[in-house]
Amino acid sequence: MSISKTDVIKEVAKQSGFSVTDSTKAVNTLVSVLTAMLKPVGAKITLTGFATLETKKRNSRSGVNPKTGEKIQIRARNTVTIKAGKPLKDAVN
């Protein structure tokens, strides 16, 4: 099952009683705020009862191209890790 951002917006509107326009603004604002707050490496956002999001630096490393078997160098980059909170884990199990 794949759920799109539009599906989330419609569900927010349904459960909150807000209009779809207001729900779109709220969801887009949340995404923008979280994105901006996660830009610095080491930033950590804890949404208690839901998840913890954290940016980490991933070092460069060697890899293998699965098509050709050729060794390649994978560049260093920043990444976001997400760890589900206990209530979320319990809700999906």
PDB file of N, CA and C in Angstrom:
ATOM      1  N   MET A   1       0.847  -1.175   0.000  1.00  0.00           N
ATOM      2  CA  MET A   1       0.000   0.000   0.000  1.00  0.00           C
ATOM      3  C   MET A   1       0.893   1.239   0.000  1.00  0.00           C
ATOM      4  N   SER A   2       0.608   2.130  -0.921  1.00  0.00           N
ATOM      5  CA  SER A   2       1.371   3.362  -1.028  1.00  0.00           C
ATOM      6  C   SER A   2       0.456   4.540  -0.692  1.00  0.00           C
ATOM      7  N   ILE A   3       0.921   5.385   0.210  1.00  0.00           N
ATOM      8  CA  ILE A   3       0.140   6.540   0.640  1.00  0.00           C
ATOM      9  C   ILE A   3       0.882   7.790   0.200  1.00  0.00           C
ATOM     10  N   SER A   4       0.202   8.660  -0.527  1.00  0.00           N
ATOM     11  CA  SER A   4       0.828   9.873  -1.040  1.00  0.00           C
ATOM     12  C   SER A   4       0.625  11.040  -0.076  1.00  0.00           C
ATOM     13  N   LYS A   5       1.332  12.118  -0.349  1.00  0.00           N
ATOM     14  CA  LYS A   5       1.198  13.332   0.448  1.00  0.00           C
ATOM     15  C   LYS A   5      -0.243  13.845   0.362  1.00  0.00           C
ATOM     16  N   THR A   6      -0.853  13.719  -0.811  1.00  0.00           N
ATOM     17  CA  THR A   6      -2.248  14.141  -0.994  1.00  0.00           C
ATOM     18  C   THR A   6      -3.179  13.338  -0.096  1.00  0.00           C
ATOM     19  N   ASP A   7      -2.910  12.037   0.032  1.00  0.00           N
ATOM     20  CA  ASP A   7      -3.716  11.197   0.919  1.00  0.00           C
ATOM     21  C   ASP A   7      -3.592  11.656   2.372  1.00  0.00           C
ATOM     22  N   VAL A   8      -2.372  12.005   2.762  1.00  0.00           N
ATOM     23  CA  VAL A   8      -2.137  12.498   4.126  1.00  0.00           C
ATOM     24  C   VAL A   8      -2.900  13.797   4.342  1.00  0.00           C
ATOM     25  N   ILE A   9      -2.826  14.702   3.382  1.00  0.00           N
ATOM     26  CA  ILE A   9      -3.519  15.994   3.498  1.00  0.00           C
ATOM     27  C   ILE A   9      -5.023  15.784   3.637  1.00  0.00           C
ATOM     28  N   LYS A  10      -5.589  14.905   2.832  1.00  0.00           N
ATOM     29  CA  LYS A  10      -7.031  14.633   2.903  1.00  0.00           C
ATOM     30  C   LYS A  10      -7.418  14.043   4.263  1.00  0.00           C
ATOM     31  N   GLU A  11      -6.578  13.176   4.804  1.00  0.00           N
ATOM     32  CA  GLU A  11      -6.862  12.570   6.109  1.00  0.00           C
ATOM     33  C   GLU A  11      -6.745  13.600   7.228  1.00  0.00           C
ATOM     34  N   VAL A  12      -5.753  14.495   7.126  1.00  0.00           N
ATOM     35  CA  VAL A  12      -5.618  15.579   8.111  1.00  0.00           C
ATOM     36  C   VAL A  12      -6.870  16.447   8.075  1.00  0.00           C
ATOM     37  N   ALA A  13      -7.336  16.782   6.888  1.00  0.00           N
ATOM     38  CA  ALA A  13      -8.543  17.607   6.751  1.00  0.00           C
ATOM     39  C   ALA A  13      -9.748  16.897   7.362  1.00  0.00           C
ATOM     40  N   LYS A  14      -9.873  15.621   7.088  1.00  0.00           N
ATOM     41  CA  LYS A  14     -10.999  14.833   7.593  1.00  0.00           C
ATOM     42  C   LYS A  14     -10.997  14.754   9.120  1.00  0.00           C
ATOM     43  N   GLN A  15      -9.839  14.447   9.698  1.00  0.00           N
ATOM     44  CA  GLN A  15      -9.774  14.256  11.151  1.00  0.00           C
ATOM     45  C   GLN A  15      -9.775  15.562  11.930  1.00  0.00           C
ATOM     46  N   SER A  16      -9.271  16.631  11.334  1.00  0.00           N
ATOM     47  CA  SER A  16      -9.171  17.900  12.065  1.00  0.00           C
ATOM     48  C   SER A  16     -10.371  18.811  11.853  1.00  0.00           C
ATOM     49  N   GLY A  17     -11.087  18.577  10.754  1.00  0.00           N
ATOM     50  CA  GLY A  17     -12.190  19.472  10.429  1.00  0.00           C
ATOM     51  C   GLY A  17     -11.730  20.708   9.681  1.00  0.00           C
ATOM     52  N   PHE A  18     -10.420  20.806   9.389  1.00  0.00           N
ATOM     53  CA  PHE A  18      -9.894  21.921   8.611  1.00  0.00           C
ATOM     54  C   PHE A  18     -10.230  21.708   7.143  1.00  0.00           C
ATOM     55  N   SER A  19     -10.157  22.763   6.371  1.00  0.00           N
ATOM     56  CA  SER A  19     -10.358  22.636   4.926  1.00  0.00           C
ATOM     57  C   SER A  19      -9.131  21.948   4.320  1.00  0.00           C
ATOM     58  N   VAL A  20      -9.287  21.449   3.113  1.00  0.00           N
ATOM     59  CA  VAL A  20      -8.158  20.820   2.422  1.00  0.00           C
ATOM     60  C   VAL A  20      -7.064  21.863   2.186  1.00  0.00           C
ATOM     61  N   THR A  21      -7.445  23.094   1.904  1.00  0.00           N
ATOM     62  CA  THR A  21      -6.468  24.171   1.699  1.00  0.00           C
ATOM     63  C   THR A  21      -5.657  24.421   2.966  1.00  0.00           C
ATOM     64  N   ASP A  22      -6.339  24.521   4.107  1.00  0.00           N
ATOM     65  CA  ASP A  22      -5.635  24.733   5.371  1.00  0.00           C
ATOM     66  C   ASP A  22      -4.779  23.524   5.735  1.00  0.00           C
ATOM     67  N   SER A  23      -5.280  22.336   5.476  1.00  0.00           N
ATOM     68  CA  SER A  23      -4.518  21.115   5.769  1.00  0.00           C
ATOM     69  C   SER A  23      -3.279  21.042   4.885  1.00  0.00           C
ATOM     70  N   THR A  24      -3.398  21.457   3.631  1.00  0.00           N
ATOM     71  CA  THR A  24      -2.246  21.486   2.725  1.00  0.00           C
ATOM     72  C   THR A  24      -1.182  22.436   3.260  1.00  0.00           C
ATOM     73  N   LYS A  25      -1.609  23.616   3.703  1.00  0.00           N
ATOM     74  CA  LYS A  25      -0.666  24.583   4.279  1.00  0.00           C
ATOM     75  C   LYS A  25       0.010  24.005   5.514  1.00  0.00           C
ATOM     76  N   ALA A  26      -0.754  23.336   6.362  1.00  0.00           N
ATOM     77  CA  ALA A  26      -0.196  22.774   7.599  1.00  0.00           C
ATOM     78  C   ALA A  26       0.827  21.681   7.295  1.00  0.00           C
ATOM     79  N   VAL A  27       0.492  20.761   6.404  1.00  0.00           N
ATOM     80  CA  VAL A  27       1.407  19.664   6.070  1.00  0.00           C
ATOM     81  C   VAL A  27       2.651  20.217   5.383  1.00  0.00           C
ATOM     82  N   ASN A  28       2.477  21.126   4.431  1.00  0.00           N
ATOM     83  CA  ASN A  28       3.636  21.716   3.745  1.00  0.00           C
ATOM     84  C   ASN A  28       4.523  22.501   4.707  1.00  0.00           C
ATOM     85  N   THR A  29       3.917  23.199   5.649  1.00  0.00           N
ATOM     86  CA  THR A  29       4.694  23.939   6.648  1.00  0.00           C
ATOM     87  C   THR A  29       5.478  22.978   7.533  1.00  0.00           C
ATOM     88  N   LEU A  30       4.845  21.907   7.969  1.00  0.00           N
ATOM     89  CA  LEU A  30       5.541  20.912   8.798  1.00  0.00           C
ATOM     90  C   LEU A  30       6.736  20.335   8.049  1.00  0.00           C
ATOM     91  N   VAL A  31       6.545  19.966   6.798  1.00  0.00           N
ATOM     92  CA  VAL A  31       7.636  19.403   6.002  1.00  0.00           C
ATOM     93  C   VAL A  31       8.763  20.432   5.855  1.00  0.00           C
ATOM     94  N   SER A  32       8.428  21.676   5.584  1.00  0.00           N
ATOM     95  CA  SER A  32       9.442  22.727   5.432  1.00  0.00           C
ATOM     96  C   SER A  32      10.215  22.970   6.725  1.00  0.00           C
ATOM     97  N   VAL A  33       9.503  23.019   7.835  1.00  0.00           N
ATOM     98  CA  VAL A  33      10.149  23.255   9.130  1.00  0.00           C
ATOM     99  C   VAL A  33      11.084  22.103   9.484  1.00  0.00           C
ATOM    100  N   LEU A  34      10.620  20.868   9.329  1.00  0.00           N
ATOM    101  CA  LEU A  34      11.461  19.713   9.635  1.00  0.00           C
ATOM    102  C   LEU A  34      12.692  19.677   8.737  1.00  0.00           C
ATOM    103  N   THR A  35      12.501  19.952   7.455  1.00  0.00           N
ATOM    104  CA  THR A  35      13.624  19.964   6.514  1.00  0.00           C
ATOM    105  C   THR A  35      14.660  21.005   6.916  1.00  0.00           C
ATOM    106  N   ALA A  36      14.221  22.210   7.225  1.00  0.00           N
ATOM    107  CA  ALA A  36      15.145  23.280   7.620  1.00  0.00           C
ATOM    108  C   ALA A  36      15.877  22.936   8.917  1.00  0.00           C
ATOM    109  N   MET A  37      15.158  22.347   9.862  1.00  0.00           N
ATOM    110  CA  MET A  37      15.774  22.023  11.151  1.00  0.00           C
ATOM    111  C   MET A  37      16.767  20.866  11.038  1.00  0.00           C
ATOM    112  N   LEU A  38      16.605  20.008  10.036  1.00  0.00           N
ATOM    113  CA  LEU A  38      17.489  18.856   9.879  1.00  0.00           C
ATOM    114  C   LEU A  38      18.706  19.137   9.005  1.00  0.00           C
ATOM    115  N   LYS A  39      18.815  20.337   8.445  1.00  0.00           N
ATOM    116  CA  LYS A  39      19.943  20.636   7.552  1.00  0.00           C
ATOM    117  C   LYS A  39      21.308  20.500   8.213  1.00  0.00           C
ATOM    118  N   PRO A  40      21.523  21.014   9.422  1.00  0.00           N
ATOM    119  CA  PRO A  40      22.859  20.853  10.011  1.00  0.00           C
ATOM    120  C   PRO A  40      23.125  19.388  10.410  1.00  0.00           C
ATOM    121  N   VAL A  41      24.347  18.930  10.140  1.00  0.00           N
ATOM    122  CA  VAL A  41      24.717  17.565  10.534  1.00  0.00           C
ATOM    123  C   VAL A  41      24.671  17.471  12.045  1.00  0.00           C
ATOM    124  N   GLY A  42      24.063  16.430  12.556  1.00  0.00           N
ATOM    125  CA  GLY A  42      23.949  16.239  13.995  1.00  0.00           C
ATOM    126  C   GLY A  42      22.643  16.760  14.560  1.00  0.00           C
ATOM    127  N   ALA A  43      21.830  17.397  13.709  1.00  0.00           N
ATOM    128  CA  ALA A  43      20.529  17.883  14.178  1.00  0.00           C
ATOM    129  C   ALA A  43      19.653  16.682  14.530  1.00  0.00           C
ATOM    130  N   LYS A  44      18.857  16.844  15.574  1.00  0.00           N
ATOM    131  CA  LYS A  44      18.021  15.744  16.041  1.00  0.00           C
ATOM    132  C   LYS A  44      16.663  16.305  16.437  1.00  0.00           C
ATOM    133  N   ILE A  45      15.615  15.729  15.879  1.00  0.00           N
ATOM    134  CA  ILE A  45      14.250  16.138  16.199  1.00  0.00           C
ATOM    135  C   ILE A  45      13.540  14.937  16.802  1.00  0.00           C
ATOM    136  N   THR A  46      12.999  15.113  17.994  1.00  0.00           N
ATOM    137  CA  THR A  46      12.250  14.049  18.649  1.00  0.00           C
ATOM    138  C   THR A  46      10.779  14.434  18.688  1.00  0.00           C
ATOM    139  N   LEU A  47       9.967  13.651  18.018  1.00  0.00           N
ATOM    140  CA  LEU A  47       8.516  13.808  18.065  1.00  0.00           C
ATOM    141  C   LEU A  47       8.021  12.700  18.986  1.00  0.00           C
ATOM    142  N   THR A  48       7.909  13.015  20.263  1.00  0.00           N
ATOM    143  CA  THR A  48       7.596  12.031  21.292  1.00  0.00           C
ATOM    144  C   THR A  48       6.368  11.216  20.913  1.00  0.00           C
ATOM    145  N   GLY A  49       6.516   9.909  21.005  1.00  0.00           N
ATOM    146  CA  GLY A  49       5.428   9.002  20.679  1.00  0.00           C
ATOM    147  C   GLY A  49       5.364   8.640  19.214  1.00  0.00           C
ATOM    148  N   PHE A  50       6.194   9.298  18.388  1.00  0.00           N
ATOM    149  CA  PHE A  50       6.165   9.006  16.957  1.00  0.00           C
ATOM    150  C   PHE A  50       7.528   8.533  16.461  1.00  0.00           C
ATOM    151  N   ALA A  51       8.504   9.439  16.412  1.00  0.00           N
ATOM    152  CA  ALA A  51       9.806   9.069  15.868  1.00  0.00           C
ATOM    153  C   ALA A  51      10.855  10.103  16.234  1.00  0.00           C
ATOM    154  N   THR A  52      12.110   9.705  16.049  1.00  0.00           N
ATOM    155  CA  THR A  52      13.243  10.608  16.189  1.00  0.00           C
ATOM    156  C   THR A  52      13.944  10.647  14.837  1.00  0.00           C
ATOM    157  N   LEU A  53      14.157  11.857  14.331  1.00  0.00           N
ATOM    158  CA  LEU A  53      14.854  12.064  13.071  1.00  0.00           C
ATOM    159  C   LEU A  53      16.191  12.702  13.380  1.00  0.00           C
ATOM    160  N   GLU A  54      17.252  12.222  12.733  1.00  0.00           N
ATOM    161  CA  GLU A  54      18.585  12.745  13.024  1.00  0.00           C
ATOM    162  C   GLU A  54      19.422  12.749  11.752  1.00  0.00           C
ATOM    163  N   THR A  55      20.184  13.828  11.544  1.00  0.00           N
ATOM    164  CA  THR A  55      21.100  13.869  10.408  1.00  0.00           C
ATOM    165  C   THR A  55      22.458  13.355  10.849  1.00  0.00           C
ATOM    166  N   LYS A  56      23.053  12.562   9.962  1.00  0.00           N
ATOM    167  CA  LYS A  56      24.375  11.992  10.243  1.00  0.00           C
ATOM    168  C   LYS A  56      25.232  12.111   8.994  1.00  0.00           C
ATOM    169  N   LYS A  57      26.530  12.160   9.201  1.00  0.00           N
ATOM    170  CA  LYS A  57      27.475  12.186   8.085  1.00  0.00           C
ATOM    171  C   LYS A  57      27.857  10.750   7.758  1.00  0.00           C
ATOM    172  N   ARG A  58      27.731  10.390   6.512  1.00  0.00           N
ATOM    173  CA  ARG A  58      28.140   9.066   6.046  1.00  0.00           C
ATOM    174  C   ARG A  58      29.470   9.237   5.312  1.00  0.00           C
ATOM    175  N   ASN A  59      30.511   8.548   5.770  1.00  0.00           N
ATOM    176  CA  ASN A  59      31.839   8.661   5.163  1.00  0.00           C
ATOM    177  C   ASN A  59      31.854   8.026   3.781  1.00  0.00           C
ATOM    178  N   SER A  60      32.843   8.431   2.971  1.00  0.00           N
ATOM    179  CA  SER A  60      32.997   7.804   1.660  1.00  0.00           C
ATOM    180  C   SER A  60      33.434   6.359   1.874  1.00  0.00           C
ATOM    181  N   ARG A  61      33.101   5.526   0.899  1.00  0.00           N
ATOM    182  CA  ARG A  61      33.424   4.103   1.031  1.00  0.00           C
ATOM    183  C   ARG A  61      33.523   3.472  -0.348  1.00  0.00           C
ATOM    184  N   SER A  62      34.099   2.296  -0.391  1.00  0.00           N
ATOM    185  CA  SER A  62      34.200   1.545  -1.637  1.00  0.00           C
ATOM    186  C   SER A  62      32.930   0.743  -1.831  1.00  0.00           C
ATOM    187  N   GLY A  63      32.559   0.569  -3.090  1.00  0.00           N
ATOM    188  CA  GLY A  63      31.385  -0.224  -3.404  1.00  0.00           C
ATOM    189  C   GLY A  63      31.610  -0.964  -4.705  1.00  0.00           C
ATOM    190  N   VAL A  64      30.583  -1.693  -5.136  1.00  0.00           N
ATOM    191  CA  VAL A  64      30.656  -2.447  -6.376  1.00  0.00           C
ATOM    192  C   VAL A  64      29.425  -2.134  -7.205  1.00  0.00           C
ATOM    193  N   ASN A  65      29.628  -1.805  -8.476  1.00  0.00           N
ATOM    194  CA  ASN A  65      28.523  -1.590  -9.397  1.00  0.00           C
ATOM    195  C   ASN A  65      27.874  -2.957  -9.638  1.00  0.00           C
ATOM    196  N   PRO A  66      26.593  -3.140  -9.272  1.00  0.00           N
ATOM    197  CA  PRO A  66      25.975  -4.455  -9.387  1.00  0.00           C
ATOM    198  C   PRO A  66      25.825  -4.939 -10.834  1.00  0.00           C
ATOM    199  N   LYS A  67      25.772  -4.026 -11.794  1.00  0.00           N
ATOM    200  CA  LYS A  67      25.642  -4.432 -13.202  1.00  0.00           C
ATOM    201  C   LYS A  67      26.949  -4.941 -13.787  1.00  0.00           C
ATOM    202  N   THR A  68      28.037  -4.218 -13.467  1.00  0.00           N
ATOM    203  CA  THR A  68      29.315  -4.533 -14.115  1.00  0.00           C
ATOM    204  C   THR A  68      30.301  -5.246 -13.199  1.00  0.00           C
ATOM    205  N   GLY A  69      30.071  -5.189 -11.893  1.00  0.00           N
ATOM    206  CA  GLY A  69      31.021  -5.768 -10.950  1.00  0.00           C
ATOM    207  C   GLY A  69      32.228  -4.872 -10.720  1.00  0.00           C
ATOM    208  N   GLU A  70      32.241  -3.709 -11.368  1.00  0.00           N
ATOM    209  CA  GLU A  70      33.351  -2.775 -11.251  1.00  0.00           C
ATOM    210  C   GLU A  70      33.361  -2.121  -9.869  1.00  0.00           C
ATOM    211  N   LYS A  71      34.571  -1.971  -9.292  1.00  0.00           N
ATOM    212  CA  LYS A  71      34.697  -1.284  -8.006  1.00  0.00           C
ATOM    213  C   LYS A  71      34.525   0.211  -8.240  1.00  0.00           C
ATOM    214  N   ILE A  72      33.776   0.839  -7.333  1.00  0.00           N
ATOM    215  CA  ILE A  72      33.545   2.273  -7.426  1.00  0.00           C
ATOM    216  C   ILE A  72      33.746   2.915  -6.061  1.00  0.00           C
ATOM    217  N   GLN A  73      33.951   4.210  -6.062  1.00  0.00           N
ATOM    218  CA  GLN A  73      34.083   4.957  -4.816  1.00  0.00           C
ATOM    219  C   GLN A  73      32.775   5.713  -4.599  1.00  0.00           C
ATOM    220  N   ILE A  74      32.132   5.481  -3.462  1.00  0.00           N
ATOM    221  CA  ILE A  74      30.892   6.163  -3.114  1.00  0.00           C
ATOM    222  C   ILE A  74      31.267   7.363  -2.265  1.00  0.00           C
ATOM    223  N   ARG A  75      30.823   8.550  -2.702  1.00  0.00           N
ATOM    224  CA  ARG A  75      31.230   9.788  -2.033  1.00  0.00           C
ATOM    225  C   ARG A  75      30.582   9.935  -0.660  1.00  0.00           C
ATOM    226  N   ALA A  76      31.213  10.736   0.181  1.00  0.00           N
ATOM    227  CA  ALA A  76      30.667  11.049   1.509  1.00  0.00           C
ATOM    228  C   ALA A  76      29.428  11.903   1.317  1.00  0.00           C
ATOM    229  N   ARG A  77      28.471  11.761   2.222  1.00  0.00           N
ATOM    230  CA  ARG A  77      27.260  12.580   2.148  1.00  0.00           C
ATOM    231  C   ARG A  77      26.553  12.585   3.487  1.00  0.00           C
ATOM    232  N   ASN A  78      25.604  13.476   3.608  1.00  0.00           N
ATOM    233  CA  ASN A  78      24.783  13.548   4.810  1.00  0.00           C
ATOM    234  C   ASN A  78      23.514  12.741   4.558  1.00  0.00           C
ATOM    235  N   THR A  79      22.995  12.142   5.605  1.00  0.00           N
ATOM    236  CA  THR A  79      21.794  11.334   5.485  1.00  0.00           C
ATOM    237  C   THR A  79      20.904  11.554   6.703  1.00  0.00           C
ATOM    238  N   VAL A  80      19.660  11.169   6.587  1.00  0.00           N
ATOM    239  CA  VAL A  80      18.717  11.289   7.697  1.00  0.00           C
ATOM    240  C   VAL A  80      18.339   9.886   8.158  1.00  0.00           C
ATOM    241  N   THR A  81      18.415   9.661   9.458  1.00  0.00           N
ATOM    242  CA  THR A  81      17.963   8.394  10.017  1.00  0.00           C
ATOM    243  C   THR A  81      16.659   8.649  10.772  1.00  0.00           C
ATOM    244  N   ILE A  82      15.791   7.663  10.734  1.00  0.00           N
ATOM    245  CA  ILE A  82      14.514   7.761  11.429  1.00  0.00           C
ATOM    246  C   ILE A  82      14.375   6.539  12.326  1.00  0.00           C
ATOM    247  N   LYS A  83      14.120   6.802  13.603  1.00  0.00           N
ATOM    248  CA  LYS A  83      13.916   5.716  14.550  1.00  0.00           C
ATOM    249  C   LYS A  83      12.501   5.851  15.101  1.00  0.00           C
ATOM    250  N   ALA A  84      11.701   4.842  14.876  1.00  0.00           N
ATOM    251  CA  ALA A  84      10.310   4.875  15.334  1.00  0.00           C
ATOM    252  C   ALA A  84      10.248   4.828  16.854  1.00  0.00           C
ATOM    253  N   GLY A  85       9.313   5.592  17.427  1.00  0.00           N
ATOM    254  CA  GLY A  85       9.084   5.574  18.864  1.00  0.00           C
ATOM    255  C   GLY A  85       8.269   4.356  19.265  1.00  0.00           C
ATOM    256  N   LYS A  86       8.282   4.013  20.528  1.00  0.00           N
ATOM    257  CA  LYS A  86       7.586   2.825  21.018  1.00  0.00           C
ATOM    258  C   LYS A  86       6.094   2.840  20.697  1.00  0.00           C
ATOM    259  N   PRO A  87       5.374   3.950  20.901  1.00  0.00           N
ATOM    260  CA  PRO A  87       3.941   3.930  20.563  1.00  0.00           C
ATOM    261  C   PRO A  87       3.692   3.644  19.079  1.00  0.00           C
ATOM    262  N   LEU A  88       4.546   4.156  18.202  1.00  0.00           N
ATOM    263  CA  LEU A  88       4.393   3.876  16.771  1.00  0.00           C
ATOM    264  C   LEU A  88       4.684   2.412  16.473  1.00  0.00           C
ATOM    265  N   LYS A  89       5.750   1.903  17.064  1.00  0.00           N
ATOM    266  CA  LYS A  89       6.082   0.479  16.873  1.00  0.00           C
ATOM    267  C   LYS A  89       4.944  -0.406  17.337  1.00  0.00           C
ATOM    268  N   ASP A  90       4.393  -0.082  18.519  1.00  0.00           N
ATOM    269  CA  ASP A  90       3.279  -0.877  19.065  1.00  0.00           C
ATOM    270  C   ASP A  90       2.049  -0.783  18.176  1.00  0.00           C
ATOM    271  N   ALA A  91       1.797   0.381  17.610  1.00  0.00           N
ATOM    272  CA  ALA A  91       0.603   0.593  16.785  1.00  0.00           C
ATOM    273  C   ALA A  91       0.652  -0.209  15.482  1.00  0.00           C
ATOM    274  N   VAL A  92       1.835  -0.425  14.933  1.00  0.00           N
ATOM    275  CA  VAL A  92       1.928  -1.143  13.667  1.00  0.00           C
ATOM    276  C   VAL A  92       2.127  -2.644  13.851  1.00  0.00           C
ATOM    277  N   ASN A  93       2.335  -3.075  15.072  1.00  0.00           N
ATOM    278  CA  ASN A  93       2.522  -4.518  15.303  1.00  0.00           C
ATOM    279  C   ASN A  93       1.327  -5.154  15.937  1.00  0.00           C
TER     280      ASN A  93
END
